[in-house]
Amino acid sequence: MTPPHRRLSKAEFIALMGVMFATIAFSIDAMLPALPEIARDLGLENANHAQLVLTSFVFGMGAGTLVAGPLSDSRSSKRATGSAKSRLASSSNASRASRRSERAVL
């Protein structure tokens, strides 16, 4: 039997939301100066295609919020986590097997 959960106070909730949003902003800010190096490491013909990394990140965060959140709430979070892990593994294998780096980012 699981123990009852304690509700967060208003200050704890605000601090938690602030840290979560700041983590996303810090992730994007860390990638921006590295875009030329990302383009070089991926061997892109057009350096502007490195911006797809940011696009993929933002799309992934949005899709995670819109899809995984309600799925996790309506079903067991253990099942949703297992499904997410299997999708991550399959997409990682697909990007590793791709011949062109632009396709690996997509």
C-alpha atoms as a PDB file:
ATOM      1  CA  MET A   1       0.000   0.000   0.000  1.00  0.00           C
ATOM      2  CA  THR A   2       1.378   3.394  -0.943  1.00  0.00           C
ATOM      3  CA  PRO A   3       1.529   6.179   1.615  1.00  0.00           C
ATOM      4  CA  PRO A   4      -0.707   9.220   1.065  1.00  0.00           C
ATOM      5  CA  HIS A   5       0.874  12.017  -0.942  1.00  0.00           C
ATOM      6  CA  ARG A   6       1.491  15.421   0.590  1.00  0.00           C
ATOM      7  CA  ARG A   7       0.268  18.362  -1.479  1.00  0.00           C
ATOM      8  CA  LEU A   8       2.821  20.940  -2.506  1.00  0.00           C
ATOM      9  CA  SER A   9       2.530  24.363  -0.965  1.00  0.00           C
ATOM     10  CA  LYS A  10       2.008  27.294  -3.294  1.00  0.00           C
ATOM     11  CA  ALA A  11       5.648  28.386  -2.937  1.00  0.00           C
ATOM     12  CA  GLU A  12       6.933  24.848  -3.644  1.00  0.00           C
ATOM     13  CA  PHE A  13       4.707  24.576  -6.711  1.00  0.00           C
ATOM     14  CA  ILE A  14       5.873  27.933  -8.087  1.00  0.00           C
ATOM     15  CA  ALA A  15       9.521  27.009  -7.480  1.00  0.00           C
ATOM     16  CA  LEU A  16       9.041  23.627  -9.184  1.00  0.00           C
ATOM     17  CA  MET A  17       7.391  25.181 -12.247  1.00  0.00           C
ATOM     18  CA  GLY A  18      10.123  27.827 -12.445  1.00  0.00           C
ATOM     19  CA  VAL A  19      12.878  25.228 -12.352  1.00  0.00           C
ATOM     20  CA  MET A  20      11.156  23.098 -15.002  1.00  0.00           C
ATOM     21  CA  PHE A  21      10.740  26.010 -17.409  1.00  0.00           C
ATOM     22  CA  ALA A  22      14.268  27.255 -16.728  1.00  0.00           C
ATOM     23  CA  THR A  23      15.682  23.820 -17.554  1.00  0.00           C
ATOM     24  CA  ILE A  24      14.136  23.969 -21.033  1.00  0.00           C
ATOM     25  CA  ALA A  25      15.430  27.509 -21.587  1.00  0.00           C
ATOM     26  CA  PHE A  26      18.921  26.530 -20.430  1.00  0.00           C
ATOM     27  CA  SER A  27      18.884  23.555 -22.818  1.00  0.00           C
ATOM     28  CA  ILE A  28      18.086  25.778 -25.788  1.00  0.00           C
ATOM     29  CA  ASP A  29      20.581  28.436 -24.696  1.00  0.00           C
ATOM     30  CA  ALA A  30      23.306  25.796 -24.461  1.00  0.00           C
ATOM     31  CA  MET A  31      22.650  24.609 -28.021  1.00  0.00           C
ATOM     32  CA  LEU A  32      22.596  28.026 -29.712  1.00  0.00           C
ATOM     33  CA  PRO A  33      26.329  28.818 -29.535  1.00  0.00           C
ATOM     34  CA  ALA A  34      27.151  25.271 -30.605  1.00  0.00           C
ATOM     35  CA  LEU A  35      25.132  25.325 -33.856  1.00  0.00           C
ATOM     36  CA  PRO A  36      28.186  25.858 -36.125  1.00  0.00           C
ATOM     37  CA  GLU A  37      29.994  22.995 -34.404  1.00  0.00           C
ATOM     38  CA  ILE A  38      26.889  20.800 -34.634  1.00  0.00           C
ATOM     39  CA  ALA A  39      26.711  21.501 -38.372  1.00  0.00           C
ATOM     40  CA  ARG A  40      30.382  20.631 -38.780  1.00  0.00           C
ATOM     41  CA  ASP A  41      30.123  17.424 -36.716  1.00  0.00           C
ATOM     42  CA  LEU A  42      27.060  16.266 -38.617  1.00  0.00           C
ATOM     43  CA  GLY A  43      28.768  17.039 -41.924  1.00  0.00           C
ATOM     44  CA  LEU A  44      25.915  19.200 -43.175  1.00  0.00           C
ATOM     45  CA  GLU A  45      26.239  20.803 -46.603  1.00  0.00           C
ATOM     46  CA  ASN A  46      24.160  23.784 -45.498  1.00  0.00           C
ATOM     47  CA  ALA A  47      25.027  25.049 -42.003  1.00  0.00           C
ATOM     48  CA  ASN A  48      21.481  26.372 -41.548  1.00  0.00           C
ATOM     49  CA  HIS A  49      20.211  22.794 -41.403  1.00  0.00           C
ATOM     50  CA  ALA A  50      21.731  22.541 -37.914  1.00  0.00           C
ATOM     51  CA  GLN A  51      18.737  24.582 -36.770  1.00  0.00           C
ATOM     52  CA  LEU A  52      16.688  21.399 -37.192  1.00  0.00           C
ATOM     53  CA  VAL A  53      18.246  20.251 -33.912  1.00  0.00           C
ATOM     54  CA  LEU A  54      16.457  23.085 -32.104  1.00  0.00           C
ATOM     55  CA  THR A  55      13.269  22.481 -34.042  1.00  0.00           C
ATOM     56  CA  SER A  56      13.351  18.800 -33.118  1.00  0.00           C
ATOM     57  CA  PHE A  57      13.971  19.650 -29.467  1.00  0.00           C
ATOM     58  CA  VAL A  58      11.053  22.084 -29.262  1.00  0.00           C
ATOM     59  CA  PHE A  59       8.769  19.701 -31.189  1.00  0.00           C
ATOM     60  CA  GLY A  60       9.748  16.831 -28.890  1.00  0.00           C
ATOM     61  CA  MET A  61       9.052  18.863 -25.770  1.00  0.00           C
ATOM     62  CA  GLY A  62       5.653  19.917 -27.134  1.00  0.00           C
ATOM     63  CA  ALA A  63       4.713  16.427 -28.252  1.00  0.00           C
ATOM     64  CA  GLY A  64       5.766  15.046 -24.900  1.00  0.00           C
ATOM     65  CA  THR A  65       3.544  17.507 -23.119  1.00  0.00           C
ATOM     66  CA  LEU A  66       0.527  17.051 -25.376  1.00  0.00           C
ATOM     67  CA  VAL A  67       0.697  13.286 -25.850  1.00  0.00           C
ATOM     68  CA  ALA A  68       2.603  11.631 -23.030  1.00  0.00           C
ATOM     69  CA  GLY A  69       1.086  13.674 -20.201  1.00  0.00           C
ATOM     70  CA  PRO A  70      -2.572  12.806 -20.797  1.00  0.00           C
ATOM     71  CA  LEU A  71      -1.632   9.217 -21.701  1.00  0.00           C
ATOM     72  CA  SER A  72       0.230   8.846 -18.440  1.00  0.00           C
ATOM     73  CA  ASP A  73      -2.710  10.312 -16.517  1.00  0.00           C
ATOM     74  CA  SER A  74      -5.340   8.127 -18.142  1.00  0.00           C
ATOM     75  CA  ARG A  75      -3.349   4.897 -17.986  1.00  0.00           C
ATOM     76  CA  SER A  76      -0.650   3.728 -15.682  1.00  0.00           C
ATOM     77  CA  SER A  77       2.502   5.800 -15.803  1.00  0.00           C
ATOM     78  CA  LYS A  78       4.568   2.604 -15.801  1.00  0.00           C
ATOM     79  CA  ARG A  79       3.010   1.525 -19.114  1.00  0.00           C
ATOM     80  CA  ALA A  80       3.491   4.987 -20.655  1.00  0.00           C
ATOM     81  CA  THR A  81       7.128   5.069 -19.541  1.00  0.00           C
ATOM     82  CA  GLY A  82       7.788   1.643 -21.045  1.00  0.00           C
ATOM     83  CA  SER A  83       6.212   2.721 -24.322  1.00  0.00           C
ATOM     84  CA  ALA A  84       8.316   5.895 -24.387  1.00  0.00           C
ATOM     85  CA  LYS A  85      11.488   3.913 -23.756  1.00  0.00           C
ATOM     86  CA  SER A  86      10.754   1.553 -26.648  1.00  0.00           C
ATOM     87  CA  ARG A  87      10.018   4.485 -29.008  1.00  0.00           C
ATOM     88  CA  LEU A  88      13.258   6.165 -27.929  1.00  0.00           C
ATOM     89  CA  ALA A  89      15.236   2.995 -28.612  1.00  0.00           C
ATOM     90  CA  SER A  90      13.664   2.485 -32.041  1.00  0.00           C
ATOM     91  CA  SER A  91      14.163   6.112 -33.103  1.00  0.00           C
ATOM     92  CA  SER A  92      17.766   6.017 -31.863  1.00  0.00           C
ATOM     93  CA  ASN A  93      18.430   2.899 -33.924  1.00  0.00           C
ATOM     94  CA  ALA A  94      16.766   4.467 -36.973  1.00  0.00           C
ATOM     95  CA  SER A  95      18.878   7.621 -36.735  1.00  0.00           C
ATOM     96  CA  ARG A  96      22.037   5.575 -36.256  1.00  0.00           C
ATOM     97  CA  ALA A  97      21.237   3.538 -39.368  1.00  0.00           C
ATOM     98  CA  SER A  98      20.442   6.550 -41.561  1.00  0.00           C
ATOM     99  CA  ARG A  99      22.940   7.441 -44.279  1.00  0.00           C
ATOM    100  CA  ARG A 100      22.345  11.210 -44.299  1.00  0.00           C
ATOM    101  CA  SER A 101      22.714  13.353 -41.204  1.00  0.00           C
ATOM    102  CA  GLU A 102      19.684  15.517 -42.103  1.00  0.00           C
ATOM    103  CA  ARG A 103      17.507  12.424 -41.937  1.00  0.00           C
ATOM    104  CA  ALA A 104      19.047  11.427 -38.588  1.00  0.00           C
ATOM    105  CA  VAL A 105      17.961  14.760 -37.090  1.00  0.00           C
ATOM    106  CA  LEU A 106      14.420  14.324 -38.392  1.00  0.00           C
END
